[in-house]
Protein backbone atom coordinates (compact mmCIF):
# COMPACT_ATOMS: atom_id res chain seq x y z
CA MET A 1 97.58 89.40 106.98
CA MET A 2 97.76 91.11 103.60
CA ASN A 3 101.34 92.06 102.70
CA CYS A 4 101.83 95.36 100.85
CA ASP A 5 105.28 96.86 100.35
CA PRO A 6 105.20 100.65 100.87
CA VAL A 7 108.54 101.07 99.08
CA THR A 8 107.85 99.20 95.83
CA GLY A 9 104.12 99.87 95.85
CA ALA A 10 103.13 96.24 95.40
CA CYS A 11 100.67 93.95 97.19
CA ILE A 12 102.09 90.44 97.45
CA LEU A 13 100.16 87.23 96.92
CA PRO A 14 100.05 84.79 99.85
CA GLU A 15 101.86 81.51 99.27
CA SER A 16 99.70 78.88 97.60
CA ASP A 17 100.22 75.15 97.24
CA THR A 18 98.03 75.16 94.14
CA ALA A 19 100.29 77.35 92.03
CA THR A 20 101.37 75.64 88.85
CA ARG A 21 104.71 75.88 87.07
CA THR A 22 103.40 75.02 83.63
CA THR A 23 103.75 77.49 80.79
CA PRO A 24 100.48 78.75 79.28
CA ALA A 25 99.85 79.03 75.59
CA LEU A 26 100.74 82.55 74.51
CA ARG A 27 99.70 84.62 71.54
CA GLN A 28 102.06 85.84 68.88
CA GLY A 29 102.47 89.58 68.44
CA PRO A 30 102.70 92.37 71.01
CA SER A 31 100.20 92.44 73.86
CA VAL A 32 100.19 94.28 77.16
CA HIS A 33 98.76 92.43 80.15
CA TYR A 34 97.73 94.26 83.29
CA VAL A 35 97.60 91.81 86.19
CA GLY A 36 95.83 93.14 89.25
CA ASP A 37 92.90 92.96 91.61
CA PRO A 38 90.08 95.48 92.08
CA MET A 39 90.67 95.33 95.85
CA CYS A 40 94.46 95.72 95.68
CA SER A 41 95.11 99.17 97.17
CA TRP A 42 98.19 99.88 95.04
CA CYS A 43 96.19 98.92 91.94
CA TRP A 44 93.81 101.73 92.86
CA GLY A 45 96.81 103.96 93.48
CA ILE A 46 98.06 103.60 89.91
CA SER A 47 94.60 103.47 88.31
CA PRO A 48 95.12 106.71 86.33
CA THR A 49 98.39 105.30 84.96
CA VAL A 50 96.69 102.05 83.91
CA ASN A 51 93.91 103.99 82.19
CA ALA A 52 96.54 106.04 80.33
CA LEU A 53 98.30 102.81 79.35
CA ALA A 54 95.05 101.34 78.01
CA ASP A 55 94.41 104.50 76.00
CA PHE A 56 97.95 104.44 74.59
CA CYS A 57 97.63 100.79 73.57
CA ALA A 58 94.28 101.47 71.89
CA GLY A 59 95.81 104.33 69.93
CA GLU A 60 98.81 102.25 68.85
CA GLY A 61 96.86 99.11 67.99
CA ILE A 62 98.47 97.11 70.80
CA ALA A 63 96.30 94.47 72.46
CA PHE A 64 95.57 95.31 76.10
CA THR A 65 94.10 92.81 78.55
CA LEU A 66 93.25 92.64 82.24
CA THR A 67 93.95 89.48 84.21
CA MET A 68 92.51 89.12 87.69
CA GLY A 69 95.04 88.01 90.27
CA GLY A 70 92.94 87.02 93.29
CA LEU A 71 94.99 88.87 95.91
CA ARG A 72 92.89 87.64 98.82
CA ALA A 73 90.55 85.15 97.15
CA GLY A 74 88.49 83.62 99.95
CA GLY A 75 89.42 86.32 102.45
CA GLY A 76 90.64 84.94 105.73
CA ASP A 77 91.83 87.98 107.67
CA PRO A 78 89.72 88.64 110.78
CA TRP A 79 88.03 92.06 110.62
CA SER A 80 89.93 93.09 113.72
CA PRO A 81 91.08 96.52 114.96
CA GLN A 82 94.61 95.51 113.98
CA PHE A 83 93.62 94.69 110.39
CA LYS A 84 91.58 97.86 110.06
CA ASP A 85 94.50 99.92 111.40
CA PHE A 86 96.77 98.27 108.83
CA LEU A 87 94.36 99.17 106.03
CA ARG A 88 93.92 102.74 107.26
CA ASN A 89 97.69 103.31 107.40
CA GLU A 90 98.19 101.67 104.01
CA TRP A 91 95.48 103.71 102.34
CA GLN A 92 96.71 106.96 103.87
CA HIS A 93 100.22 106.23 102.60
CA ILE A 94 99.04 105.38 99.08
CA ALA A 95 96.86 108.50 98.96
CA GLN A 96 99.88 110.60 99.92
CA VAL A 97 102.15 108.97 97.32
CA THR A 98 99.71 108.82 94.40
CA GLY A 99 97.13 111.53 95.06
CA GLN A 100 94.30 109.02 94.67
CA PRO A 101 91.24 109.58 96.88
CA PHE A 102 90.34 107.13 99.62
CA GLY A 103 87.30 107.02 101.86
CA PHE A 104 87.44 105.30 105.23
CA THR A 105 83.79 104.59 106.00
CA LEU A 106 84.28 100.88 105.28
CA LEU A 107 86.64 100.69 108.25
CA GLU A 108 83.79 101.73 110.55
CA THR A 109 81.63 98.73 109.65
CA PRO A 110 81.49 96.02 112.34
CA HIS A 111 81.86 93.10 109.90
CA PHE A 112 83.48 92.71 106.50
CA ASN A 113 85.17 89.80 104.75
CA TYR A 114 88.08 91.15 102.67
CA ASP A 115 87.49 88.48 100.04
CA THR A 116 88.66 89.71 96.64
CA GLU A 117 87.21 86.78 94.66
CA PRO A 118 83.73 88.30 94.12
CA ALA A 119 85.15 91.56 92.75
CA CYS A 120 87.51 89.65 90.47
CA ARG A 121 84.63 87.39 89.39
CA ALA A 122 82.54 90.46 88.59
CA VAL A 123 85.22 91.65 86.17
CA SER A 124 85.44 88.15 84.64
CA THR A 125 81.64 88.23 84.28
CA VAL A 126 81.83 91.48 82.34
CA LYS A 127 84.51 89.92 80.13
CA LEU A 128 82.08 87.11 79.31
CA LEU A 129 79.32 89.60 78.54
CA GLN A 130 81.66 91.69 76.41
CA ALA A 131 82.58 88.66 74.32
CA LYS A 132 79.00 87.39 74.10
CA HIS A 133 77.55 90.69 72.90
CA SER A 134 80.63 91.96 70.99
CA LEU A 135 80.80 95.04 73.21
CA PRO A 136 83.74 97.46 73.03
CA GLU A 137 86.70 96.01 74.90
CA VAL A 138 87.08 99.22 76.88
CA VAL A 139 83.95 98.32 78.88
CA VAL A 140 86.02 95.83 80.91
CA GLN A 141 88.57 98.46 81.92
CA GLN A 142 85.78 100.93 82.69
CA PHE A 143 84.02 98.38 84.91
CA PHE A 144 87.25 97.50 86.72
CA SER A 145 87.91 101.18 87.47
CA ALA A 146 84.31 101.74 88.58
CA VAL A 147 84.56 98.85 91.06
CA GLN A 148 87.74 100.36 92.50
CA GLN A 149 86.12 103.79 92.85
CA LYS A 150 83.01 102.46 94.56
CA PHE A 151 85.03 100.31 96.96
CA TYR A 152 87.89 102.62 97.88
CA VAL A 153 86.12 105.98 97.83
CA GLU A 154 82.53 105.08 98.69
CA GLY A 155 83.36 102.15 100.99
CA GLN A 156 80.72 99.78 99.59
CA ASP A 157 80.74 95.99 100.05
CA THR A 158 82.06 94.19 96.95
CA THR A 159 81.03 90.77 98.24
CA LYS A 160 77.33 91.55 97.63
CA VAL A 161 75.99 91.22 94.09
CA ASP A 162 73.87 94.37 94.56
CA PHE A 163 77.14 96.34 94.65
CA TYR A 164 77.46 95.91 90.88
CA ALA A 165 73.93 96.84 89.73
CA GLU A 166 74.52 100.58 89.42
CA LEU A 167 77.85 100.02 87.68
CA CYS A 168 76.21 97.72 85.12
CA THR A 169 73.47 100.25 84.45
CA ARG A 170 76.00 103.03 84.00
CA LEU A 171 77.90 100.99 81.41
CA GLY A 172 74.83 99.74 79.57
CA LEU A 173 75.02 96.15 80.83
CA ASP A 174 71.87 94.21 81.64
CA VAL A 175 71.72 93.84 85.43
CA THR A 176 69.59 90.69 85.39
CA GLU A 177 71.92 88.99 82.93
CA PHE A 178 74.95 90.05 84.94
CA ASN A 179 73.50 88.73 88.21
CA ALA A 180 72.66 85.34 86.69
CA LEU A 181 76.08 84.97 85.10
CA PHE A 182 77.92 86.25 88.18
CA ASP A 183 76.61 83.32 90.26
CA SER A 184 77.11 80.74 87.50
CA PRO A 185 79.73 77.97 87.33
CA GLU A 186 80.91 79.57 84.07
CA ALA A 187 81.94 82.81 85.76
CA LYS A 188 83.51 81.00 88.71
CA GLN A 189 85.55 78.86 86.34
CA ALA A 190 86.52 81.88 84.26
CA VAL A 191 87.93 83.79 87.22
CA HIS A 192 89.70 80.68 88.51
CA GLN A 193 91.40 80.36 85.14
CA GLU A 194 92.57 83.95 85.44
CA PHE A 195 94.06 83.24 88.86
CA VAL A 196 95.90 80.25 87.40
CA ARG A 197 97.16 82.26 84.43
CA CYS A 198 98.52 84.90 86.80
CA ARG A 199 100.57 82.29 88.61
CA GLN A 200 101.67 80.61 85.39
CA TRP A 201 103.17 83.92 84.35
CA GLY A 202 105.09 83.96 87.63
CA VAL A 203 103.28 87.04 88.96
CA ARG A 204 103.57 87.25 92.74
CA SER A 205 102.51 90.83 93.43
CA PHE A 206 100.13 93.47 92.13
CA PRO A 207 100.01 95.63 90.17
CA THR A 208 102.14 93.97 87.49
CA ILE A 209 102.28 95.02 83.84
CA LEU A 210 103.63 92.47 81.35
CA LEU A 211 104.61 92.69 77.70
CA GLU A 212 103.98 89.60 75.60
CA ARG A 213 105.77 89.45 72.26
CA ASN A 214 106.68 86.55 69.98
CA GLY A 215 105.46 84.06 72.55
CA GLU A 216 107.57 85.47 75.40
CA VAL A 217 106.44 87.46 78.42
CA SER A 218 108.52 90.04 80.26
CA ALA A 219 107.72 92.48 83.04
CA LEU A 220 107.35 96.15 82.17
CA ALA A 221 106.60 97.23 85.73
CA VAL A 222 105.87 95.74 89.14
CA GLY A 223 104.37 97.91 91.84
CA MET A 224 104.20 101.68 91.88
CA VAL A 225 105.02 103.31 88.54
CA THR A 226 104.23 106.69 86.98
CA THR A 227 102.55 107.10 83.61
CA GLU A 228 105.73 108.55 82.12
CA GLN A 229 107.88 105.70 83.44
CA LEU A 230 105.48 103.03 82.19
CA LEU A 231 104.92 104.44 78.72
CA THR A 232 108.66 105.02 78.30
CA ALA A 233 109.38 101.42 79.29
CA LEU A 234 106.75 100.15 76.84
CA LYS A 235 108.01 102.26 73.95
CA GLU A 236 111.61 101.19 74.57
CA ALA A 237 110.63 97.51 74.84
CA ILE A 238 108.69 97.61 71.58
CA ALA A 239 111.50 99.44 69.78
CA ALA A 240 114.16 97.00 70.99
């Protein structure tokens, strides 16, 4: 079953035999990397903080990227009363700690596969569209947040491609183009590469915020963090 720590505010990746220990090629210069998953409940909990971080980076000229972690890629947990009770308790706790809204209608559905790969792949698809059409980079962050809102508050099924149509329309993305790319080998490979990159960085739980500078990566925050704490840590790290 999914493992989320209520104390640290982090959702932990299951063990994987495919994780690699190689070091990825890194860019020079300061960059902030947010590593998360649209269906990670603590990632939704700190969504306002991440949005504030993205805005701060944009204002300071610091590169900001999202990397999809694949918390439960492939699913696997039976949609049992026990799993639904776990989710309900987890969401209630996060709502109390963070003030973020949660809906619980999804927990009333008789069948659901808590597979986070499609939602992650949807974000990777928007990244491909953003690069192809030279769209503003903020569209990726906006899409990620919109997926979280529609899943956690509205209780809609992220595993169905129709889930994303309204979000694409809202952000000015072509729905037909998105649907075709979403199901393509290119998008599946792109999201897989993000999962690999996450593990290459040594990330084992979400949300994680990393600072990359001069070819080295260090953690700014792992798990629950306030906007003030995160921005202070970033400013101090850059000034050091």
